[in-house]
Amino acid sequence: MPVILYVLFILCVVPVVLAGVENYYRVRQFERFDNHNPRQQKARLEGVGARVSAAQANAWEALMIFSATCFIAYAGGADLNALGLAALLFLGCRIAHALCYIADLAGLRSLAFGGAMLCSFYIVFQAAATA
């Protein structure tokens, strides 16, 4: 199976892992997880917990972009095996993005975001060149 599809699966798991980390910070800040009003509690997170929450939201957004990228590559008839390195670079950039978000390294976070987007554009351009 092409690496790009494994990367897609891993990217599906990243926001779920970040949700677990966010829940840790909810319990740490509020001493419990409010399962009756989770979104209101999430909105009141501060510091690292708030950054984890934002990283999770951004991970969902990146998943949509990469999903569309994979679909375009597949539908365009691109050699998915040849796109493995670009997919792994995308994954690395997205993991770096989440870690930089949590660590409050805004400049590096922006670089990681840009790197991931460049990987996505590369994959789409490869698909366009194939079609």
N, C-alpha and C. Protein backbone atom coordinates (compact mmCIF):
# COMPACT_ATOMS: atom_id res chain seq x y z
N MET A 1 0.86 -1.17 0.00
CA MET A 1 0.00 0.00 0.00
C MET A 1 0.91 1.24 0.00
N PRO A 2 0.52 2.27 -0.74
CA PRO A 2 1.35 3.48 -0.81
C PRO A 2 1.46 4.19 0.55
N VAL A 3 2.63 4.74 0.80
CA VAL A 3 2.91 5.46 2.05
C VAL A 3 1.92 6.60 2.26
N ILE A 4 1.52 7.26 1.19
CA ILE A 4 0.62 8.41 1.31
C ILE A 4 -0.67 8.02 2.02
N LEU A 5 -1.13 6.78 1.85
CA LEU A 5 -2.36 6.34 2.50
C LEU A 5 -2.14 6.06 3.99
N TYR A 6 -0.98 5.56 4.33
CA TYR A 6 -0.65 5.39 5.75
C TYR A 6 -0.56 6.76 6.44
N VAL A 7 0.03 7.71 5.73
CA VAL A 7 0.12 9.07 6.27
C VAL A 7 -1.29 9.64 6.48
N LEU A 8 -2.17 9.40 5.53
CA LEU A 8 -3.55 9.87 5.68
C LEU A 8 -4.18 9.29 6.94
N PHE A 9 -3.96 8.02 7.18
CA PHE A 9 -4.51 7.40 8.39
C PHE A 9 -3.91 8.02 9.65
N ILE A 10 -2.59 8.19 9.67
CA ILE A 10 -1.95 8.79 10.84
C ILE A 10 -2.50 10.19 11.08
N LEU A 11 -2.69 10.95 10.01
CA LEU A 11 -3.25 12.30 10.16
C LEU A 11 -4.67 12.27 10.71
N CYS A 12 -5.39 11.18 10.49
CA CYS A 12 -6.72 11.02 11.08
C CYS A 12 -6.63 10.82 12.59
N VAL A 13 -5.54 10.23 13.04
CA VAL A 13 -5.37 9.93 14.46
C VAL A 13 -4.84 11.13 15.25
N VAL A 14 -4.07 12.00 14.59
CA VAL A 14 -3.44 13.13 15.28
C VAL A 14 -4.44 13.99 16.06
N PRO A 15 -5.57 14.42 15.47
CA PRO A 15 -6.50 15.24 16.25
C PRO A 15 -7.09 14.50 17.45
N VAL A 16 -7.25 13.20 17.33
CA VAL A 16 -7.78 12.39 18.43
C VAL A 16 -6.77 12.34 19.57
N VAL A 17 -5.51 12.17 19.24
CA VAL A 17 -4.45 12.19 20.25
C VAL A 17 -4.40 13.55 20.93
N LEU A 18 -4.49 14.61 20.14
CA LEU A 18 -4.48 15.96 20.71
C LEU A 18 -5.70 16.18 21.61
N ALA A 19 -6.83 15.57 21.28
CA ALA A 19 -8.01 15.67 22.14
C ALA A 19 -7.73 15.03 23.49
N GLY A 20 -7.03 13.92 23.48
CA GLY A 20 -6.66 13.28 24.75
C GLY A 20 -5.74 14.16 25.58
N VAL A 21 -4.79 14.82 24.93
CA VAL A 21 -3.89 15.73 25.63
C VAL A 21 -4.69 16.92 26.16
N GLU A 22 -5.61 17.41 25.35
CA GLU A 22 -6.47 18.52 25.80
C GLU A 22 -7.28 18.12 27.02
N ASN A 23 -7.80 16.91 27.03
CA ASN A 23 -8.57 16.44 28.19
C ASN A 23 -7.72 16.41 29.45
N TYR A 24 -6.46 16.05 29.31
CA TYR A 24 -5.54 16.09 30.45
C TYR A 24 -5.47 17.51 31.01
N TYR A 25 -5.33 18.48 30.13
CA TYR A 25 -5.23 19.87 30.58
C TYR A 25 -6.55 20.39 31.14
N ARG A 26 -7.66 19.87 30.65
CA ARG A 26 -8.96 20.24 31.23
C ARG A 26 -9.04 19.79 32.68
N VAL A 27 -8.68 18.55 32.92
CA VAL A 27 -8.73 18.02 34.28
C VAL A 27 -7.72 18.75 35.15
N ARG A 28 -6.58 19.06 34.60
CA ARG A 28 -5.55 19.78 35.36
C ARG A 28 -6.01 21.18 35.75
N GLN A 29 -6.66 21.87 34.81
CA GLN A 29 -7.09 23.24 35.09
C GLN A 29 -8.38 23.29 35.90
N PHE A 30 -9.33 22.42 35.60
CA PHE A 30 -10.66 22.51 36.22
C PHE A 30 -10.93 21.40 37.25
N GLU A 31 -9.99 20.49 37.42
CA GLU A 31 -10.08 19.37 38.35
C GLU A 31 -11.10 18.31 37.96
N ARG A 32 -11.68 18.45 36.80
CA ARG A 32 -12.59 17.42 36.27
C ARG A 32 -12.88 17.74 34.80
N PHE A 33 -13.37 16.74 34.11
CA PHE A 33 -13.81 16.91 32.73
C PHE A 33 -15.32 17.08 32.75
N ASP A 34 -15.81 18.19 32.25
CA ASP A 34 -17.25 18.47 32.24
C ASP A 34 -17.87 17.85 30.99
N ASN A 35 -18.39 16.64 31.14
CA ASN A 35 -18.98 15.94 30.01
C ASN A 35 -20.38 16.45 29.68
N HIS A 36 -20.97 17.27 30.55
CA HIS A 36 -22.28 17.86 30.27
C HIS A 36 -22.15 19.10 29.40
N ASN A 37 -21.08 19.86 29.58
CA ASN A 37 -20.85 21.09 28.82
C ASN A 37 -19.39 21.15 28.34
N PRO A 38 -18.98 20.18 27.54
CA PRO A 38 -17.56 20.12 27.18
C PRO A 38 -17.08 21.30 26.34
N ARG A 39 -17.91 21.82 25.46
CA ARG A 39 -17.47 22.93 24.62
C ARG A 39 -17.31 24.23 25.41
N GLN A 40 -18.18 24.43 26.38
CA GLN A 40 -18.04 25.62 27.23
C GLN A 40 -16.77 25.52 28.06
N GLN A 41 -16.50 24.33 28.58
CA GLN A 41 -15.29 24.14 29.37
C GLN A 41 -14.06 24.32 28.48
N LYS A 42 -14.10 23.77 27.31
CA LYS A 42 -12.98 23.90 26.37
C LYS A 42 -12.70 25.37 26.06
N ALA A 43 -13.74 26.15 25.92
CA ALA A 43 -13.58 27.58 25.61
C ALA A 43 -12.91 28.35 26.74
N ARG A 44 -12.96 27.82 27.96
CA ARG A 44 -12.36 28.50 29.11
C ARG A 44 -10.92 28.07 29.39
N LEU A 45 -10.40 27.15 28.60
CA LEU A 45 -9.02 26.71 28.80
C LEU A 45 -8.07 27.89 28.61
N GLU A 46 -6.98 27.86 29.37
CA GLU A 46 -5.97 28.91 29.29
C GLU A 46 -4.60 28.28 29.11
N GLY A 47 -3.64 29.06 28.64
CA GLY A 47 -2.26 28.63 28.54
C GLY A 47 -2.07 27.45 27.61
N VAL A 48 -1.32 26.45 28.10
CA VAL A 48 -0.99 25.29 27.29
C VAL A 48 -2.26 24.56 26.84
N GLY A 49 -3.23 24.43 27.73
CA GLY A 49 -4.47 23.76 27.38
C GLY A 49 -5.17 24.42 26.21
N ALA A 50 -5.20 25.73 26.20
CA ALA A 50 -5.83 26.47 25.10
C ALA A 50 -5.04 26.26 23.81
N ARG A 51 -3.71 26.21 23.91
CA ARG A 51 -2.90 25.99 22.72
C ARG A 51 -3.08 24.57 22.18
N VAL A 52 -3.21 23.60 23.06
CA VAL A 52 -3.48 22.22 22.61
C VAL A 52 -4.82 22.18 21.89
N SER A 53 -5.82 22.86 22.44
CA SER A 53 -7.14 22.92 21.81
C SER A 53 -7.05 23.53 20.42
N ALA A 54 -6.29 24.61 20.29
CA ALA A 54 -6.13 25.26 18.99
C ALA A 54 -5.37 24.35 18.03
N ALA A 55 -4.36 23.65 18.53
CA ALA A 55 -3.60 22.72 17.68
C ALA A 55 -4.51 21.60 17.18
N GLN A 56 -5.41 21.14 18.04
CA GLN A 56 -6.34 20.10 17.63
C GLN A 56 -7.26 20.60 16.52
N ALA A 57 -7.80 21.80 16.68
CA ALA A 57 -8.68 22.37 15.65
C ALA A 57 -7.92 22.51 14.33
N ASN A 58 -6.69 22.95 14.41
CA ASN A 58 -5.89 23.11 13.19
C ASN A 58 -5.56 21.76 12.58
N ALA A 59 -5.39 20.72 13.40
CA ALA A 59 -5.11 19.38 12.87
C ALA A 59 -6.30 18.85 12.08
N TRP A 60 -7.52 19.13 12.54
CA TRP A 60 -8.71 18.74 11.78
C TRP A 60 -8.73 19.44 10.43
N GLU A 61 -8.37 20.73 10.43
CA GLU A 61 -8.35 21.49 9.17
C GLU A 61 -7.30 20.94 8.21
N ALA A 62 -6.14 20.61 8.74
CA ALA A 62 -5.07 20.05 7.90
C ALA A 62 -5.47 18.69 7.35
N LEU A 63 -6.21 17.93 8.13
CA LEU A 63 -6.69 16.63 7.65
C LEU A 63 -7.59 16.80 6.43
N MET A 64 -8.44 17.82 6.45
CA MET A 64 -9.30 18.07 5.29
C MET A 64 -8.46 18.40 4.05
N ILE A 65 -7.45 19.22 4.24
CA ILE A 65 -6.59 19.60 3.11
C ILE A 65 -5.86 18.38 2.57
N PHE A 66 -5.29 17.58 3.46
CA PHE A 66 -4.53 16.42 2.99
C PHE A 66 -5.46 15.37 2.39
N SER A 67 -6.65 15.22 2.91
CA SER A 67 -7.62 14.28 2.32
C SER A 67 -7.95 14.68 0.89
N ALA A 68 -8.20 15.97 0.68
CA ALA A 68 -8.47 16.46 -0.67
C ALA A 68 -7.25 16.26 -1.56
N THR A 69 -6.07 16.49 -1.01
CA THR A 69 -4.83 16.30 -1.76
C THR A 69 -4.70 14.84 -2.21
N CYS A 70 -4.96 13.91 -1.30
CA CYS A 70 -4.89 12.48 -1.65
C CYS A 70 -5.92 12.12 -2.71
N PHE A 71 -7.12 12.65 -2.58
CA PHE A 71 -8.16 12.37 -3.56
C PHE A 71 -7.75 12.89 -4.94
N ILE A 72 -7.22 14.10 -4.98
CA ILE A 72 -6.78 14.68 -6.25
C ILE A 72 -5.67 13.83 -6.86
N ALA A 73 -4.72 13.41 -6.04
CA ALA A 73 -3.63 12.57 -6.54
C ALA A 73 -4.16 11.26 -7.10
N TYR A 74 -5.07 10.64 -6.38
CA TYR A 74 -5.65 9.38 -6.82
C TYR A 74 -6.47 9.57 -8.11
N ALA A 75 -7.37 10.55 -8.07
CA ALA A 75 -8.24 10.78 -9.23
C ALA A 75 -7.45 11.25 -10.45
N GLY A 76 -6.35 11.95 -10.21
CA GLY A 76 -5.53 12.41 -11.32
C GLY A 76 -4.62 11.34 -11.90
N GLY A 77 -4.60 10.19 -11.27
CA GLY A 77 -3.80 9.09 -11.78
C GLY A 77 -2.32 9.20 -11.45
N ALA A 78 -1.98 9.99 -10.45
CA ALA A 78 -0.58 10.12 -10.04
C ALA A 78 -0.09 8.80 -9.45
N ASP A 79 1.20 8.56 -9.56
CA ASP A 79 1.81 7.39 -8.96
C ASP A 79 1.90 7.64 -7.45
N LEU A 80 0.99 7.06 -6.70
CA LEU A 80 0.93 7.30 -5.26
C LEU A 80 2.20 6.86 -4.55
N ASN A 81 2.84 5.83 -5.06
CA ASN A 81 4.09 5.38 -4.45
C ASN A 81 5.19 6.43 -4.57
N ALA A 82 5.17 7.19 -5.64
CA ALA A 82 6.19 8.22 -5.86
C ALA A 82 5.96 9.46 -4.98
N LEU A 83 4.79 9.54 -4.34
CA LEU A 83 4.45 10.70 -3.52
C LEU A 83 4.70 10.45 -2.03
N GLY A 84 5.30 9.32 -1.70
CA GLY A 84 5.52 8.96 -0.31
C GLY A 84 6.38 9.95 0.46
N LEU A 85 7.45 10.41 -0.14
CA LEU A 85 8.33 11.35 0.55
C LEU A 85 7.61 12.66 0.85
N ALA A 86 6.88 13.17 -0.13
CA ALA A 86 6.13 14.41 0.09
C ALA A 86 5.09 14.22 1.19
N ALA A 87 4.46 13.05 1.22
CA ALA A 87 3.47 12.76 2.26
C ALA A 87 4.13 12.69 3.64
N LEU A 88 5.29 12.06 3.72
CA LEU A 88 6.01 11.97 4.99
C LEU A 88 6.48 13.35 5.45
N LEU A 89 6.90 14.18 4.52
CA LEU A 89 7.28 15.55 4.87
C LEU A 89 6.07 16.33 5.39
N PHE A 90 4.91 16.14 4.75
CA PHE A 90 3.69 16.77 5.22
C PHE A 90 3.42 16.34 6.66
N LEU A 91 3.49 15.05 6.91
CA LEU A 91 3.25 14.52 8.26
C LEU A 91 4.24 15.11 9.26
N GLY A 92 5.51 15.14 8.90
CA GLY A 92 6.51 15.71 9.80
C GLY A 92 6.23 17.17 10.10
N CYS A 93 5.86 17.92 9.08
CA CYS A 93 5.54 19.34 9.27
C CYS A 93 4.32 19.50 10.17
N ARG A 94 3.33 18.65 10.00
CA ARG A 94 2.10 18.76 10.81
C ARG A 94 2.36 18.38 12.27
N ILE A 95 3.20 17.40 12.50
CA ILE A 95 3.54 17.05 13.88
C ILE A 95 4.35 18.18 14.50
N ALA A 96 5.30 18.72 13.72
CA ALA A 96 6.07 19.86 14.20
C ALA A 96 5.16 21.05 14.48
N HIS A 97 4.16 21.25 13.64
CA HIS A 97 3.20 22.35 13.83
C HIS A 97 2.50 22.21 15.17
N ALA A 98 2.00 21.02 15.46
CA ALA A 98 1.29 20.81 16.74
C ALA A 98 2.22 21.03 17.92
N LEU A 99 3.43 20.50 17.84
CA LEU A 99 4.38 20.66 18.95
C LEU A 99 4.77 22.13 19.14
N CYS A 100 4.95 22.84 18.03
CA CYS A 100 5.28 24.27 18.12
C CYS A 100 4.10 25.07 18.67
N TYR A 101 2.89 24.67 18.30
CA TYR A 101 1.70 25.34 18.83
C TYR A 101 1.65 25.19 20.34
N ILE A 102 1.84 23.96 20.80
CA ILE A 102 1.78 23.68 22.23
C ILE A 102 2.88 24.42 22.98
N ALA A 103 4.08 24.48 22.37
CA ALA A 103 5.23 25.13 23.01
C ALA A 103 5.23 26.64 22.83
N ASP A 104 4.24 27.17 22.13
CA ASP A 104 4.11 28.61 21.89
C ASP A 104 5.30 29.16 21.09
N LEU A 105 5.70 28.43 20.08
CA LEU A 105 6.76 28.85 19.17
C LEU A 105 6.12 29.29 17.86
N ALA A 106 5.57 30.49 17.86
CA ALA A 106 4.73 30.96 16.77
C ALA A 106 5.45 31.00 15.43
N GLY A 107 6.68 31.48 15.41
CA GLY A 107 7.41 31.56 14.15
C GLY A 107 7.67 30.21 13.54
N LEU A 108 8.15 29.27 14.35
CA LEU A 108 8.39 27.91 13.86
C LEU A 108 7.09 27.23 13.45
N ARG A 109 6.03 27.52 14.19
CA ARG A 109 4.72 26.96 13.85
C ARG A 109 4.30 27.40 12.46
N SER A 110 4.50 28.66 12.15
CA SER A 110 4.15 29.18 10.83
C SER A 110 5.00 28.53 9.74
N LEU A 111 6.29 28.32 10.02
CA LEU A 111 7.15 27.63 9.05
C LEU A 111 6.67 26.20 8.80
N ALA A 112 6.31 25.52 9.87
CA ALA A 112 5.81 24.15 9.73
C ALA A 112 4.52 24.12 8.92
N PHE A 113 3.64 25.09 9.18
CA PHE A 113 2.39 25.18 8.42
C PHE A 113 2.69 25.39 6.94
N GLY A 114 3.59 26.32 6.65
CA GLY A 114 3.95 26.60 5.26
C GLY A 114 4.59 25.41 4.58
N GLY A 115 5.45 24.70 5.30
CA GLY A 115 6.08 23.51 4.74
C GLY A 115 5.06 22.44 4.37
N ALA A 116 4.09 22.24 5.25
CA ALA A 116 3.04 21.25 4.98
C ALA A 116 2.23 21.66 3.76
N MET A 117 1.91 22.94 3.66
CA MET A 117 1.14 23.40 2.50
C MET A 117 1.93 23.22 1.20
N LEU A 118 3.22 23.48 1.25
CA LEU A 118 4.05 23.27 0.06
C LEU A 118 4.04 21.81 -0.37
N CYS A 119 4.08 20.90 0.60
CA CYS A 119 4.00 19.47 0.29
C CYS A 119 2.68 19.13 -0.38
N SER A 120 1.60 19.71 0.12
CA SER A 120 0.29 19.47 -0.47
C SER A 120 0.24 20.00 -1.91
N PHE A 121 0.74 21.21 -2.10
CA PHE A 121 0.76 21.79 -3.45
C PHE A 121 1.61 20.94 -4.39
N TYR A 122 2.72 20.44 -3.90
CA TYR A 122 3.58 19.57 -4.72
C TYR A 122 2.81 18.34 -5.18
N ILE A 123 2.12 17.71 -4.26
CA ILE A 123 1.35 16.50 -4.61
C ILE A 123 0.27 16.83 -5.63
N VAL A 124 -0.42 17.94 -5.44
CA VAL A 124 -1.48 18.31 -6.40
C VAL A 124 -0.86 18.62 -7.76
N PHE A 125 0.27 19.32 -7.78
CA PHE A 125 0.92 19.63 -9.06
C PHE A 125 1.40 18.36 -9.75
N GLN A 126 1.87 17.39 -8.99
CA GLN A 126 2.27 16.11 -9.59
C GLN A 126 1.07 15.41 -10.22
N ALA A 127 -0.07 15.49 -9.53
CA ALA A 127 -1.29 14.89 -10.09
C ALA A 127 -1.71 15.61 -11.35
N ALA A 128 -1.61 16.93 -11.35
CA ALA A 128 -1.98 17.72 -12.54
C ALA A 128 -1.05 17.41 -13.71
N ALA A 129 0.21 17.19 -13.42
CA ALA A 129 1.18 16.89 -14.47
C ALA A 129 0.93 15.51 -15.08
N THR A 130 0.33 14.62 -14.28
CA THR A 130 0.04 13.27 -14.75
C THR A 130 -1.20 13.23 -15.62
N ALA A 131 -2.16 14.07 -15.26
CA ALA A 131 -3.46 14.03 -15.95
C ALA A 131 -3.41 14.57 -17.36
